Amino acid sequence: MDEVSLSQSFVEFFRTKCKYNGCLHLQEPDCKVKELVKSGEILKSRYDNYLQFIKEIRNEVVEYNKKEKKPEVAAYYKSLKKKGK
């Protein structure tokens, strides 16, 4: 599963009709999902679970690309981790 598919599998996120097409609900300004989490309309625990899944997907991508000898892809995803995205 990739990050976009994950964001669409959280029903309450998908129904929200975020401002951005393909929004990952991470660092995008004016993200509707993040606004609803802040207001309590979406449970913070659900959002936290989503963030954990994103982290796991990115870790998998890094490991896969290390194995496949694609260090540039692995480095990109590692940089996202460091930036907290």
PDB file of N, CA and C in Angstrom:
ATOM      1  N   MET A   1       0.854  -1.174   0.000  1.00  0.00           N
ATOM      2  CA  MET A   1       0.000   0.000   0.000  1.00  0.00           C
ATOM      3  C   MET A   1       0.900   1.237   0.000  1.00  0.00           C
ATOM      4  N   ASP A   2       0.532   2.228  -0.767  1.00  0.00           N
ATOM      5  CA  ASP A   2       1.297   3.474  -0.774  1.00  0.00           C
ATOM      6  C   ASP A   2       0.589   4.518   0.092  1.00  0.00           C
ATOM      7  N   GLU A   3       1.228   5.679   0.238  1.00  0.00           N
ATOM      8  CA  GLU A   3       0.717   6.708   1.138  1.00  0.00           C
ATOM      9  C   GLU A   3      -0.646   7.266   0.700  1.00  0.00           C
ATOM     10  N   VAL A   4      -0.829   7.475  -0.591  1.00  0.00           N
ATOM     11  CA  VAL A   4      -2.106   8.017  -1.079  1.00  0.00           C
ATOM     12  C   VAL A   4      -3.232   7.015  -0.839  1.00  0.00           C
ATOM     13  N   SER A   5      -2.968   5.742  -1.131  1.00  0.00           N
ATOM     14  CA  SER A   5      -3.983   4.705  -0.882  1.00  0.00           C
ATOM     15  C   SER A   5      -4.336   4.645   0.599  1.00  0.00           C
ATOM     16  N   LEU A   6      -3.335   4.789   1.443  1.00  0.00           N
ATOM     17  CA  LEU A   6      -3.587   4.783   2.886  1.00  0.00           C
ATOM     18  C   LEU A   6      -4.505   5.933   3.270  1.00  0.00           C
ATOM     19  N   SER A   7      -4.213   7.124   2.770  1.00  0.00           N
ATOM     20  CA  SER A   7      -5.040   8.285   3.150  1.00  0.00           C
ATOM     21  C   SER A   7      -6.484   8.102   2.692  1.00  0.00           C
ATOM     22  N   GLN A   8      -6.676   7.384   1.606  1.00  0.00           N
ATOM     23  CA  GLN A   8      -8.029   7.151   1.104  1.00  0.00           C
ATOM     24  C   GLN A   8      -8.730   6.014   1.827  1.00  0.00           C
ATOM     25  N   SER A   9      -7.969   5.188   2.538  1.00  0.00           N
ATOM     26  CA  SER A   9      -8.590   4.070   3.244  1.00  0.00           C
ATOM     27  C   SER A   9      -9.097   4.463   4.632  1.00  0.00           C
ATOM     28  N   PHE A  10      -8.719   5.634   5.116  1.00  0.00           N
ATOM     29  CA  PHE A  10      -9.284   6.157   6.351  1.00  0.00           C
ATOM     30  C   PHE A  10     -10.551   6.908   5.952  1.00  0.00           C
ATOM     31  N   VAL A  11     -11.683   6.285   6.154  1.00  0.00           N
ATOM     32  CA  VAL A  11     -12.961   6.765   5.625  1.00  0.00           C
ATOM     33  C   VAL A  11     -13.233   8.217   6.002  1.00  0.00           C
ATOM     34  N   GLU A  12     -12.981   8.543   7.267  1.00  0.00           N
ATOM     35  CA  GLU A  12     -13.270   9.907   7.707  1.00  0.00           C
ATOM     36  C   GLU A  12     -12.360  10.926   7.020  1.00  0.00           C
ATOM     37  N   PHE A  13     -11.180  10.499   6.602  1.00  0.00           N
ATOM     38  CA  PHE A  13     -10.283  11.384   5.861  1.00  0.00           C
ATOM     39  C   PHE A  13     -10.785  11.540   4.430  1.00  0.00           C
ATOM     40  N   PHE A  14     -11.155  10.412   3.844  1.00  0.00           N
ATOM     41  CA  PHE A  14     -11.583  10.394   2.441  1.00  0.00           C
ATOM     42  C   PHE A  14     -12.842  11.228   2.234  1.00  0.00           C
ATOM     43  N   ARG A  15     -13.766  11.152   3.174  1.00  0.00           N
ATOM     44  CA  ARG A  15     -15.039  11.883   3.073  1.00  0.00           C
ATOM     45  C   ARG A  15     -14.869  13.393   3.249  1.00  0.00           C
ATOM     46  N   THR A  16     -13.763  13.802   3.793  1.00  0.00           N
ATOM     47  CA  THR A  16     -13.547  15.196   4.153  1.00  0.00           C
ATOM     48  C   THR A  16     -13.416  16.123   2.952  1.00  0.00           C
ATOM     49  N   LYS A  17     -13.021  15.601   1.815  1.00  0.00           N
ATOM     50  CA  LYS A  17     -12.816  16.428   0.615  1.00  0.00           C
ATOM     51  C   LYS A  17     -11.793  17.526   0.910  1.00  0.00           C
ATOM     52  N   CYS A  18     -10.596  17.087   1.186  1.00  0.00           N
ATOM     53  CA  CYS A  18      -9.504  18.001   1.505  1.00  0.00           C
ATOM     54  C   CYS A  18      -9.258  18.970   0.345  1.00  0.00           C
ATOM     55  N   LYS A  19      -8.643  20.075   0.671  1.00  0.00           N
ATOM     56  CA  LYS A  19      -8.368  21.133  -0.305  1.00  0.00           C
ATOM     57  C   LYS A  19      -7.480  20.639  -1.452  1.00  0.00           C
ATOM     58  N   TYR A  20      -6.579  19.727  -1.156  1.00  0.00           N
ATOM     59  CA  TYR A  20      -5.608  19.248  -2.141  1.00  0.00           C
ATOM     60  C   TYR A  20      -5.948  17.858  -2.633  1.00  0.00           C
ATOM     61  N   ASN A  21      -5.840  17.654  -3.928  1.00  0.00           N
ATOM     62  CA  ASN A  21      -5.975  16.328  -4.514  1.00  0.00           C
ATOM     63  C   ASN A  21      -4.773  15.502  -4.086  1.00  0.00           C
ATOM     64  N   GLY A  22      -4.989  14.328  -3.546  1.00  0.00           N
ATOM     65  CA  GLY A  22      -3.874  13.491  -3.108  1.00  0.00           C
ATOM     66  C   GLY A  22      -3.200  13.989  -1.841  1.00  0.00           C
ATOM     67  N   CYS A  23      -3.891  14.785  -1.059  1.00  0.00           N
ATOM     68  CA  CYS A  23      -3.335  15.322   0.192  1.00  0.00           C
ATOM     69  C   CYS A  23      -2.971  14.158   1.120  1.00  0.00           C
ATOM     70  N   LEU A  24      -1.779  14.228   1.706  1.00  0.00           N
ATOM     71  CA  LEU A  24      -1.355  13.194   2.650  1.00  0.00           C
ATOM     72  C   LEU A  24      -1.658  13.582   4.094  1.00  0.00           C
ATOM     73  N   HIS A  25      -2.174  14.804   4.298  1.00  0.00           N
ATOM     74  CA  HIS A  25      -2.593  15.261   5.617  1.00  0.00           C
ATOM     75  C   HIS A  25      -1.410  15.313   6.590  1.00  0.00           C
ATOM     76  N   LEU A  26      -0.268  15.769   6.081  1.00  0.00           N
ATOM     77  CA  LEU A  26       0.931  15.842   6.907  1.00  0.00           C
ATOM     78  C   LEU A  26       1.367  17.292   7.124  1.00  0.00           C
ATOM     79  N   GLN A  27       1.955  17.895   6.095  1.00  0.00           N
ATOM     80  CA  GLN A  27       2.492  19.249   6.212  1.00  0.00           C
ATOM     81  C   GLN A  27       1.770  20.264   5.326  1.00  0.00           C
ATOM     82  N   GLU A  28       0.759  19.839   4.603  1.00  0.00           N
ATOM     83  CA  GLU A  28       0.067  20.719   3.671  1.00  0.00           C
ATOM     84  C   GLU A  28      -0.686  21.814   4.438  1.00  0.00           C
ATOM     85  N   PRO A  29      -0.503  23.077   4.004  1.00  0.00           N
ATOM     86  CA  PRO A  29      -1.228  24.163   4.677  1.00  0.00           C
ATOM     87  C   PRO A  29      -2.730  24.069   4.408  1.00  0.00           C
ATOM     88  N   ASP A  30      -3.519  24.447   5.377  1.00  0.00           N
ATOM     89  CA  ASP A  30      -4.985  24.462   5.257  1.00  0.00           C
ATOM     90  C   ASP A  30      -5.586  23.094   4.977  1.00  0.00           C
ATOM     91  N   CYS A  31      -4.943  22.037   5.445  1.00  0.00           N
ATOM     92  CA  CYS A  31      -5.464  20.681   5.266  1.00  0.00           C
ATOM     93  C   CYS A  31      -6.713  20.521   6.126  1.00  0.00           C
ATOM     94  N   LYS A  32      -7.794  20.154   5.507  1.00  0.00           N
ATOM     95  CA  LYS A  32      -9.089  20.016   6.192  1.00  0.00           C
ATOM     96  C   LYS A  32      -9.044  18.922   7.263  1.00  0.00           C
ATOM     97  N   VAL A  33      -8.359  17.820   6.976  1.00  0.00           N
ATOM     98  CA  VAL A  33      -8.267  16.717   7.950  1.00  0.00           C
ATOM     99  C   VAL A  33      -7.571  17.197   9.214  1.00  0.00           C
ATOM    100  N   LYS A  34      -6.454  17.901   9.067  1.00  0.00           N
ATOM    101  CA  LYS A  34      -5.742  18.396  10.248  1.00  0.00           C
ATOM    102  C   LYS A  34      -6.602  19.378  11.040  1.00  0.00           C
ATOM    103  N   GLU A  35      -7.382  20.189  10.337  1.00  0.00           N
ATOM    104  CA  GLU A  35      -8.301  21.115  11.015  1.00  0.00           C
ATOM    105  C   GLU A  35      -9.339  20.350  11.826  1.00  0.00           C
ATOM    106  N   LEU A  36      -9.873  19.256  11.243  1.00  0.00           N
ATOM    107  CA  LEU A  36     -10.898  18.463  11.933  1.00  0.00           C
ATOM    108  C   LEU A  36     -10.318  17.690  13.112  1.00  0.00           C
ATOM    109  N   VAL A  37      -9.058  17.285  13.017  1.00  0.00           N
ATOM    110  CA  VAL A  37      -8.400  16.633  14.152  1.00  0.00           C
ATOM    111  C   VAL A  37      -8.256  17.653  15.280  1.00  0.00           C
ATOM    112  N   LYS A  38      -7.810  18.841  14.926  1.00  0.00           N
ATOM    113  CA  LYS A  38      -7.617  19.896  15.921  1.00  0.00           C
ATOM    114  C   LYS A  38      -8.933  20.262  16.626  1.00  0.00           C
ATOM    115  N   SER A  39     -10.026  20.270  15.871  1.00  0.00           N
ATOM    116  CA  SER A  39     -11.320  20.622  16.457  1.00  0.00           C
ATOM    117  C   SER A  39     -11.980  19.453  17.188  1.00  0.00           C
ATOM    118  N   GLY A  40     -11.421  18.237  17.035  1.00  0.00           N
ATOM    119  CA  GLY A  40     -11.982  17.075  17.713  1.00  0.00           C
ATOM    120  C   GLY A  40     -13.020  16.317  16.901  1.00  0.00           C
ATOM    121  N   GLU A  41     -13.302  16.775  15.687  1.00  0.00           N
ATOM    122  CA  GLU A  41     -14.291  16.091  14.845  1.00  0.00           C
ATOM    123  C   GLU A  41     -13.749  14.778  14.273  1.00  0.00           C
ATOM    124  N   ILE A  42     -12.436  14.678  14.151  1.00  0.00           N
ATOM    125  CA  ILE A  42     -11.771  13.413  13.830  1.00  0.00           C
ATOM    126  C   ILE A  42     -10.926  13.077  15.048  1.00  0.00           C
ATOM    127  N   LEU A  43     -11.031  11.844  15.517  1.00  0.00           N
ATOM    128  CA  LEU A  43     -10.290  11.436  16.712  1.00  0.00           C
ATOM    129  C   LEU A  43      -8.791  11.551  16.490  1.00  0.00           C
ATOM    130  N   LYS A  44      -8.113  12.158  17.460  1.00  0.00           N
ATOM    131  CA  LYS A  44      -6.660  12.288  17.373  1.00  0.00           C
ATOM    132  C   LYS A  44      -6.001  10.915  17.325  1.00  0.00           C
ATOM    133  N   SER A  45      -6.576   9.950  18.015  1.00  0.00           N
ATOM    134  CA  SER A  45      -6.002   8.592  18.008  1.00  0.00           C
ATOM    135  C   SER A  45      -6.030   7.991  16.599  1.00  0.00           C
ATOM    136  N   ARG A  46      -7.068   8.287  15.838  1.00  0.00           N
ATOM    137  CA  ARG A  46      -7.132   7.813  14.442  1.00  0.00           C
ATOM    138  C   ARG A  46      -6.034   8.466  13.616  1.00  0.00           C
ATOM    139  N   TYR A  47      -5.870   9.764  13.793  1.00  0.00           N
ATOM    140  CA  TYR A  47      -4.830  10.488  13.069  1.00  0.00           C
ATOM    141  C   TYR A  47      -3.443   9.976  13.469  1.00  0.00           C
ATOM    142  N   ASP A  48      -3.244   9.722  14.756  1.00  0.00           N
ATOM    143  CA  ASP A  48      -1.966   9.176  15.225  1.00  0.00           C
ATOM    144  C   ASP A  48      -1.694   7.805  14.609  1.00  0.00           C
ATOM    145  N   ASN A  49      -2.734   6.968  14.499  1.00  0.00           N
ATOM    146  CA  ASN A  49      -2.573   5.662  13.838  1.00  0.00           C
ATOM    147  C   ASN A  49      -2.177   5.848  12.380  1.00  0.00           C
ATOM    148  N   TYR A  50      -2.819   6.786  11.727  1.00  0.00           N
ATOM    149  CA  TYR A  50      -2.500   7.098  10.332  1.00  0.00           C
ATOM    150  C   TYR A  50      -1.032   7.510  10.199  1.00  0.00           C
ATOM    151  N   LEU A  51      -0.563   8.384  11.083  1.00  0.00           N
ATOM    152  CA  LEU A  51       0.831   8.816  11.044  1.00  0.00           C
ATOM    153  C   LEU A  51       1.790   7.644  11.247  1.00  0.00           C
ATOM    154  N   GLN A  52       1.420   6.720  12.123  1.00  0.00           N
ATOM    155  CA  GLN A  52       2.259   5.537  12.355  1.00  0.00           C
ATOM    156  C   GLN A  52       2.330   4.679  11.095  1.00  0.00           C
ATOM    157  N   PHE A  53       1.198   4.501  10.422  1.00  0.00           N
ATOM    158  CA  PHE A  53       1.197   3.743   9.170  1.00  0.00           C
ATOM    159  C   PHE A  53       2.066   4.416   8.108  1.00  0.00           C
ATOM    160  N   ILE A  54       1.989   5.739   8.010  1.00  0.00           N
ATOM    161  CA  ILE A  54       2.826   6.481   7.058  1.00  0.00           C
ATOM    162  C   ILE A  54       4.300   6.210   7.355  1.00  0.00           C
ATOM    163  N   LYS A  55       4.652   6.270   8.618  1.00  0.00           N
ATOM    164  CA  LYS A  55       6.039   6.010   9.032  1.00  0.00           C
ATOM    165  C   LYS A  55       6.475   4.604   8.623  1.00  0.00           C
ATOM    166  N   GLU A  56       5.606   3.628   8.847  1.00  0.00           N
ATOM    167  CA  GLU A  56       5.932   2.241   8.497  1.00  0.00           C
ATOM    168  C   GLU A  56       6.079   2.068   6.986  1.00  0.00           C
ATOM    169  N   ILE A  57       5.204   2.701   6.222  1.00  0.00           N
ATOM    170  CA  ILE A  57       5.307   2.628   4.759  1.00  0.00           C
ATOM    171  C   ILE A  57       6.634   3.209   4.305  1.00  0.00           C
ATOM    172  N   ARG A  58       6.988   4.351   4.842  1.00  0.00           N
ATOM    173  CA  ARG A  58       8.250   4.991   4.453  1.00  0.00           C
ATOM    174  C   ARG A  58       9.458   4.156   4.850  1.00  0.00           C
ATOM    175  N   ASN A  59       9.406   3.530   6.012  1.00  0.00           N
ATOM    176  CA  ASN A  59      10.498   2.644   6.423  1.00  0.00           C
ATOM    177  C   ASN A  59      10.636   1.469   5.464  1.00  0.00           C
ATOM    178  N   GLU A  60       9.494   0.909   5.052  1.00  0.00           N
ATOM    179  CA  GLU A  60       9.513  -0.197   4.093  1.00  0.00           C
ATOM    180  C   GLU A  60      10.137   0.232   2.761  1.00  0.00           C
ATOM    181  N   VAL A  61       9.780   1.431   2.311  1.00  0.00           N
ATOM    182  CA  VAL A  61      10.318   1.944   1.052  1.00  0.00           C
ATOM    183  C   VAL A  61      11.834   2.096   1.154  1.00  0.00           C
ATOM    184  N   VAL A  62      12.305   2.622   2.273  1.00  0.00           N
ATOM    185  CA  VAL A  62      13.751   2.788   2.476  1.00  0.00           C
ATOM    186  C   VAL A  62      14.440   1.437   2.414  1.00  0.00           C
ATOM    187  N   GLU A  63      13.929   0.470   3.153  1.00  0.00           N
ATOM    188  CA  GLU A  63      14.554  -0.863   3.191  1.00  0.00           C
ATOM    189  C   GLU A  63      14.536  -1.528   1.818  1.00  0.00           C
ATOM    190  N   TYR A  64      13.417  -1.445   1.137  1.00  0.00           N
ATOM    191  CA  TYR A  64      13.304  -2.040  -0.200  1.00  0.00           C
ATOM    192  C   TYR A  64      14.325  -1.427  -1.152  1.00  0.00           C
ATOM    193  N   ASN A  65      14.425  -0.116  -1.129  1.00  0.00           N
ATOM    194  CA  ASN A  65      15.331   0.553  -2.065  1.00  0.00           C
ATOM    195  C   ASN A  65      16.795   0.365  -1.704  1.00  0.00           C
ATOM    196  N   LYS A  66      17.082   0.129  -0.443  1.00  0.00           N
ATOM    197  CA  LYS A  66      18.455  -0.243  -0.064  1.00  0.00           C
ATOM    198  C   LYS A  66      18.796  -1.590  -0.682  1.00  0.00           C
ATOM    199  N   LYS A  67      17.857  -2.537  -0.564  1.00  0.00           N
ATOM    200  CA  LYS A  67      18.061  -3.874  -1.126  1.00  0.00           C
ATOM    201  C   LYS A  67      18.207  -3.832  -2.637  1.00  0.00           C
ATOM    202  N   GLU A  68      17.404  -3.017  -3.272  1.00  0.00           N
ATOM    203  CA  GLU A  68      17.388  -2.926  -4.735  1.00  0.00           C
ATOM    204  C   GLU A  68      18.483  -2.005  -5.271  1.00  0.00           C
ATOM    205  N   LYS A  69      19.328  -1.551  -4.380  1.00  0.00           N
ATOM    206  CA  LYS A  69      20.455  -0.686  -4.761  1.00  0.00           C
ATOM    207  C   LYS A  69      19.983   0.602  -5.437  1.00  0.00           C
ATOM    208  N   LYS A  70      19.005   1.218  -4.815  1.00  0.00           N
ATOM    209  CA  LYS A  70      18.503   2.508  -5.278  1.00  0.00           C
ATOM    210  C   LYS A  70      18.685   3.516  -4.138  1.00  0.00           C
ATOM    211  N   PRO A  71      19.923   3.865  -3.873  1.00  0.00           N
ATOM    212  CA  PRO A  71      20.192   4.704  -2.700  1.00  0.00           C
ATOM    213  C   PRO A  71      19.557   6.089  -2.759  1.00  0.00           C
ATOM    214  N   GLU A  72      19.330   6.619  -3.960  1.00  0.00           N
ATOM    215  CA  GLU A  72      18.738   7.960  -4.055  1.00  0.00           C
ATOM    216  C   GLU A  72      17.300   7.970  -3.543  1.00  0.00           C
ATOM    217  N   VAL A  73      16.566   6.887  -3.802  1.00  0.00           N
ATOM    218  CA  VAL A  73      15.184   6.797  -3.318  1.00  0.00           C
ATOM    219  C   VAL A  73      15.185   6.598  -1.801  1.00  0.00           C
ATOM    220  N   ALA A  74      16.036   5.719  -1.333  1.00  0.00           N
ATOM    221  CA  ALA A  74      16.140   5.478   0.105  1.00  0.00           C
ATOM    222  C   ALA A  74      16.530   6.768   0.828  1.00  0.00           C
ATOM    223  N   ALA A  75      17.467   7.518   0.272  1.00  0.00           N
ATOM    224  CA  ALA A  75      17.907   8.773   0.895  1.00  0.00           C
ATOM    225  C   ALA A  75      16.774   9.789   0.941  1.00  0.00           C
ATOM    226  N   TYR A  76      15.975   9.854  -0.109  1.00  0.00           N
ATOM    227  CA  TYR A  76      14.842  10.784  -0.138  1.00  0.00           C
ATOM    228  C   TYR A  76      13.866  10.484   1.006  1.00  0.00           C
ATOM    229  N   TYR A  77      13.489   9.225   1.163  1.00  0.00           N
ATOM    230  CA  TYR A  77      12.535   8.873   2.208  1.00  0.00           C
ATOM    231  C   TYR A  77      13.144   9.047   3.602  1.00  0.00           C
ATOM    232  N   LYS A  78      14.442   8.801   3.732  1.00  0.00           N
ATOM    233  CA  LYS A  78      15.101   9.052   5.005  1.00  0.00           C
ATOM    234  C   LYS A  78      15.054  10.533   5.343  1.00  0.00           C
ATOM    235  N   SER A  79      15.230  11.388   4.328  1.00  0.00           N
ATOM    236  CA  SER A  79      15.192  12.828   4.561  1.00  0.00           C
ATOM    237  C   SER A  79      13.807  13.274   5.015  1.00  0.00           C
ATOM    238  N   LEU A  80      12.752  12.628   4.500  1.00  0.00           N
ATOM    239  CA  LEU A  80      11.400  12.950   4.953  1.00  0.00           C
ATOM    240  C   LEU A  80      11.234  12.626   6.430  1.00  0.00           C
ATOM    241  N   LYS A  81      11.817  11.504   6.843  1.00  0.00           N
ATOM    242  CA  LYS A  81      11.739  11.105   8.239  1.00  0.00           C
ATOM    243  C   LYS A  81      12.405  12.151   9.126  1.00  0.00           C
ATOM    244  N   LYS A  82      13.575  12.627   8.709  1.00  0.00           N
ATOM    245  CA  LYS A  82      14.311  13.611   9.514  1.00  0.00           C
ATOM    246  C   LYS A  82      13.556  14.929   9.602  1.00  0.00           C
ATOM    247  N   LYS A  83      12.864  15.306   8.523  1.00  0.00           N
ATOM    248  CA  LYS A  83      12.124  16.556   8.506  1.00  0.00           C
ATOM    249  C   LYS A  83      10.795  16.448   9.245  1.00  0.00           C
ATOM    250  N   GLY A  84      10.403  15.208   9.598  1.00  0.00           N
ATOM    251  CA  GLY A  84       9.142  15.004  10.304  1.00  0.00           C
ATOM    252  C   GLY A  84       7.933  15.066   9.422  1.00  0.00           C
ATOM    253  N   LYS A  85       8.106  14.791   8.138  1.00  0.00           N
ATOM    254  CA  LYS A  85       6.984  14.828   7.209  1.00  0.00           C
ATOM    255  C   LYS A  85       6.366  13.472   7.087  1.00  0.00           C
TER     256      LYS A  85
END
